[in-house]
């Protein structure tokens, strides 16, 4: 090969980028600005799509982790099958035969299953109520917590009144505050399931209210 042929080979190598050791596209095949923009947009769309796809298993995992924190019907062991939306379930507190027929109120504990974030605690005391049977067989129910400051109310049998030991609030057998009284309202009456009462059982819709309020404000 003569000197002229070697020069031609060198020129050809330089034209296609062989001098630097990397192949370059032939003339006319270089990437245009439009091609570069389309490539960037395609990469961006692929990244966004991948991120959205990755959120699905993450959301499922978070729901599984947080599911014990979500409220579920019947967590307190009550019967929610006949409840209206937003109402607390009825809880069984006593048999009808256990309540005196002479109108004397009796205090009974309210027992329910408690569920926290990851544990279930069965048969836990969550409060107490007073039950009083009327002459016609109906039963009145009162929350045993004093509406004044949240103390447990006692029953003074000799005076036949409910008496709070903390600040001398007193209430009649019907739960009415005896004036003058530090209590801002009467004792909190609770709903009794009339249908189950006919079956000889006392089920109540147990609800706790904030003390110190004139109106009932549910806790």
Protein backbone atom coordinates (compact mmCIF):
# COMPACT_ATOMS: atom_id res chain seq x y z
CA UNK A 1 0.00 0.00 0.00
CA UNK A 2 1.49 3.38 -1.04
CA UNK A 3 1.41 6.65 0.87
CA UNK A 4 -1.69 7.91 -0.92
CA UNK A 5 -3.74 4.87 0.05
CA UNK A 6 -2.66 5.20 3.69
CA UNK A 7 -3.80 8.86 3.70
CA UNK A 8 -7.19 7.85 2.27
CA UNK A 9 -7.61 5.20 4.98
CA UNK A 10 -6.74 7.74 7.65
CA UNK A 11 -9.29 10.21 6.31
CA UNK A 12 -12.01 7.53 6.22
CA UNK A 13 -11.21 6.49 9.81
CA UNK A 14 -11.40 10.08 10.96
CA UNK A 15 -14.78 10.63 9.29
CA UNK A 16 -16.43 7.74 11.21
CA UNK A 17 -14.83 8.43 14.58
CA UNK A 18 -12.48 5.48 14.50
CA UNK A 19 -9.54 7.64 15.51
CA UNK A 20 -10.95 7.92 19.07
CA UNK A 21 -11.75 4.23 19.30
CA UNK A 22 -15.60 4.69 19.31
CA UNK A 23 -17.91 4.06 16.44
CA UNK A 24 -19.87 7.12 15.34
CA UNK A 25 -23.09 7.02 13.35
CA UNK A 26 -22.72 7.48 9.62
CA UNK A 27 -23.50 10.93 8.28
CA UNK A 28 -27.24 11.72 8.33
CA UNK A 29 -28.06 9.34 11.24
CA UNK A 30 -27.13 11.64 14.13
CA UNK A 31 -29.90 12.07 16.86
CA UNK A 32 -31.96 15.18 16.28
CA UNK A 33 -33.21 17.49 19.09
CA UNK A 34 -36.74 16.11 18.57
CA UNK A 35 -35.49 12.56 19.03
CA UNK A 36 -33.76 13.55 22.26
CA UNK A 37 -36.92 15.21 23.62
CA UNK A 38 -39.03 12.17 22.74
CA UNK A 39 -36.55 9.91 24.48
CA UNK A 40 -36.57 12.06 27.60
CA UNK A 41 -40.39 12.16 27.72
CA UNK A 42 -40.59 8.38 27.26
CA UNK A 43 -38.14 7.85 30.12
CA UNK A 44 -40.09 10.26 32.33
CA UNK A 45 -43.40 8.50 31.64
CA UNK A 46 -41.82 5.12 32.38
CA UNK A 47 -40.48 6.41 35.71
CA UNK A 48 -43.85 7.87 36.74
CA UNK A 49 -45.67 4.67 35.76
CA UNK A 50 -43.20 2.61 37.75
CA UNK A 51 -43.66 4.83 40.79
CA UNK A 52 -47.46 4.53 40.63
CA UNK A 53 -47.23 0.77 40.26
CA UNK A 54 -45.03 0.65 43.35
CA UNK A 55 -47.59 2.52 45.44
CA UNK A 56 -50.16 -0.31 45.25
CA UNK A 57 -48.21 -2.87 47.34
CA UNK A 58 -47.09 -0.07 49.67
CA UNK A 59 -50.71 0.99 50.30
CA UNK A 60 -51.73 -2.63 50.86
CA UNK A 61 -48.94 -3.06 53.38
CA UNK A 62 -49.88 0.11 55.24
CA UNK A 63 -53.52 -0.97 55.43
CA UNK A 64 -52.52 -4.35 56.84
CA UNK A 65 -50.28 -2.65 59.40
CA UNK A 66 -52.96 -0.12 60.41
CA UNK A 67 -56.00 -2.41 60.23
CA UNK A 68 -55.99 -3.08 64.01
CA UNK A 69 -56.38 0.68 64.51
CA UNK A 70 -59.53 0.86 62.39
CA UNK A 71 -62.79 0.67 64.34
CA UNK A 72 -64.82 -2.48 63.89
CA UNK A 73 -68.41 -3.19 64.87
CA UNK A 74 -68.77 -5.28 67.99
CA UNK A 75 -65.29 -4.52 69.36
CA UNK A 76 -66.80 -4.23 72.84
CA UNK A 77 -68.55 -7.54 72.74
CA UNK A 78 -72.03 -6.10 72.25
CA UNK A 79 -74.75 -6.96 69.80
CA UNK A 80 -74.50 -4.64 66.81
CA UNK A 81 -76.91 -6.59 64.60
CA UNK A 82 -79.85 -4.34 65.50
CA UNK A 83 -78.02 -1.04 65.86
CA UNK A 84 -78.53 2.10 63.84
CA UNK A 85 -75.61 3.82 62.20
CA UNK A 86 -73.37 5.57 64.70
CA UNK A 87 -75.06 4.08 67.75
CA UNK A 88 -73.28 2.11 70.43
CA UNK A 89 -74.22 -1.57 70.76
CA UNK A 90 -76.46 -2.94 73.47
CA UNK A 91 -74.56 -4.75 76.23
CA UNK A 92 -75.99 -7.36 78.58
CA UNK A 93 -75.66 -6.23 82.20
CA UNK A 94 -78.06 -8.40 84.25
CA UNK A 95 -81.03 -10.71 84.28
CA UNK A 96 -84.42 -9.19 85.06
CA UNK A 97 -84.86 -11.48 88.06
CA UNK A 98 -81.73 -10.02 89.72
CA UNK A 99 -83.36 -6.58 90.13
CA UNK A 100 -85.44 -6.06 93.31
CA UNK A 101 -89.18 -5.77 92.74
CA UNK A 102 -89.63 -3.09 95.40
CA UNK A 103 -88.01 -0.34 93.33
CA UNK A 104 -84.68 -0.39 95.12
CA UNK A 105 -81.90 0.41 92.63
CA UNK A 106 -79.04 -2.00 92.24
CA UNK A 107 -75.61 -1.20 90.84
CA UNK A 108 -74.13 -3.63 88.31
CA UNK A 109 -70.85 -3.51 86.39
CA UNK A 110 -70.75 -3.18 82.62
CA UNK A 111 -68.48 -5.84 81.11
CA UNK A 112 -67.27 -5.82 77.52
CA UNK A 113 -64.44 -6.99 75.28
CA UNK A 114 -61.90 -4.24 74.67
CA UNK A 115 -59.75 -4.10 71.54
CA UNK A 116 -56.73 -1.85 71.30
CA UNK A 117 -54.31 -1.62 68.37
CA UNK A 118 -53.14 -5.25 68.42
CA UNK A 119 -54.69 -6.90 71.47
CA UNK A 120 -58.13 -8.08 72.47
CA UNK A 121 -58.95 -8.04 76.17
CA UNK A 122 -62.13 -10.02 76.85
CA UNK A 123 -64.55 -9.35 79.70
CA UNK A 124 -63.19 -6.04 80.94
CA UNK A 125 -65.14 -3.65 83.23
CA UNK A 126 -65.82 -0.42 81.34
CA UNK A 127 -68.20 1.24 83.81
CA UNK A 128 -71.23 0.68 86.02
CA UNK A 129 -74.94 1.43 85.91
CA UNK A 130 -77.88 1.56 88.30
CA UNK A 131 -80.94 -0.50 87.41
CA UNK A 132 -84.33 0.14 88.97
CA UNK A 133 -87.45 -1.88 88.30
CA UNK A 134 -90.79 -0.09 88.19
CA UNK A 135 -94.14 -1.57 89.25
CA UNK A 136 -95.08 -2.27 85.63
CA UNK A 137 -91.91 -4.33 85.11
CA UNK A 138 -90.03 -1.75 83.07
CA UNK A 139 -86.44 -0.99 84.04
CA UNK A 140 -84.79 2.42 84.30
CA UNK A 141 -81.02 2.60 83.82
CA UNK A 142 -78.62 5.36 84.93
CA UNK A 143 -74.90 5.73 84.43
CA UNK A 144 -73.29 5.41 87.87
CA UNK A 145 -70.91 8.33 87.19
CA UNK A 146 -71.82 11.68 88.75
CA UNK A 147 -72.35 14.38 86.09
CA UNK A 148 -70.58 16.92 88.31
CA UNK A 149 -66.97 15.72 88.50
CA UNK A 150 -67.00 12.08 87.42
CA UNK A 151 -67.10 10.34 90.82
CA UNK A 152 -69.06 7.13 91.32
CA UNK A 153 -72.46 7.82 92.83
CA UNK A 154 -73.58 5.74 95.79
CA UNK A 155 -77.08 4.86 96.96
CA UNK A 156 -78.21 6.03 100.42
CA UNK A 157 -80.83 3.38 101.26
CA UNK A 158 -82.03 5.15 104.44
CA UNK A 159 -82.81 8.31 102.51
CA UNK A 160 -83.70 6.54 99.25
CA UNK A 161 -81.57 8.88 97.16
CA UNK A 162 -78.49 8.59 95.01
CA UNK A 163 -75.64 10.36 96.80
CA UNK A 164 -72.26 11.39 95.43
CA UNK A 165 -69.52 11.09 98.09
CA UNK A 166 -67.28 13.73 96.49
CA UNK A 167 -69.25 16.99 96.44
CA UNK A 168 -72.63 16.12 98.01
CA UNK A 169 -74.62 15.97 94.76
CA UNK A 170 -77.85 14.06 95.41
CA UNK A 171 -80.47 12.63 93.02
CA UNK A 172 -83.96 11.19 93.39
CA UNK A 173 -84.79 7.60 92.46
CA UNK A 174 -85.78 8.97 89.06
CA UNK A 175 -82.28 10.45 88.62
CA UNK A 176 -83.33 14.08 89.06
CA UNK A 177 -80.79 16.35 90.73
CA UNK A 178 -81.92 17.55 94.17
CA UNK A 179 -81.40 21.29 94.38
CA UNK A 180 -79.26 23.04 95.38
CA UNK A 181 -76.72 20.78 93.72
CA UNK A 182 -73.23 21.19 92.28
CA UNK A 183 -74.21 18.79 89.51
CA UNK A 184 -74.96 20.68 86.28
CA UNK A 185 -77.53 18.11 85.12
CA UNK A 186 -79.54 15.06 86.18
CA UNK A 187 -78.05 11.56 86.19
CA UNK A 188 -77.45 10.24 82.69
CA UNK A 189 -80.28 7.88 81.75
CA UNK A 190 -79.36 5.08 79.33
CA UNK A 191 -81.50 3.21 76.83
CA UNK A 192 -82.75 -0.26 77.75
CA UNK A 193 -83.55 -2.85 75.08
CA UNK A 194 -87.29 -3.40 75.55
CA UNK A 195 -87.41 -6.49 73.37
CA UNK A 196 -84.81 -8.36 75.41
CA UNK A 197 -86.43 -7.12 78.60
CA UNK A 198 -89.52 -9.11 77.61
CA UNK A 199 -87.21 -12.12 77.37
CA UNK A 200 -86.00 -11.64 80.94
CA UNK A 201 -82.63 -10.02 80.18
CA UNK A 202 -81.40 -6.47 80.69
CA UNK A 203 -79.36 -5.05 77.82
CA UNK A 204 -78.39 -1.38 77.87
CA UNK A 205 -76.78 0.99 75.41
CA UNK A 206 -73.88 2.01 77.62
CA UNK A 207 -72.64 5.53 76.98
CA UNK A 208 -70.30 7.76 78.96
CA UNK A 209 -70.69 11.54 78.97
CA UNK A 210 -68.32 14.32 79.94
CA UNK A 211 -68.82 15.59 83.50
CA UNK A 212 -69.25 19.26 84.27
CA UNK A 213 -71.45 19.98 81.26
CA UNK A 214 -75.06 21.17 81.33
CA UNK A 215 -75.85 19.16 78.20
CA UNK A 216 -74.81 15.58 77.54
CA UNK A 217 -71.57 15.45 75.56
CA UNK A 218 -70.50 11.95 74.69
CA UNK A 219 -66.91 10.98 75.46
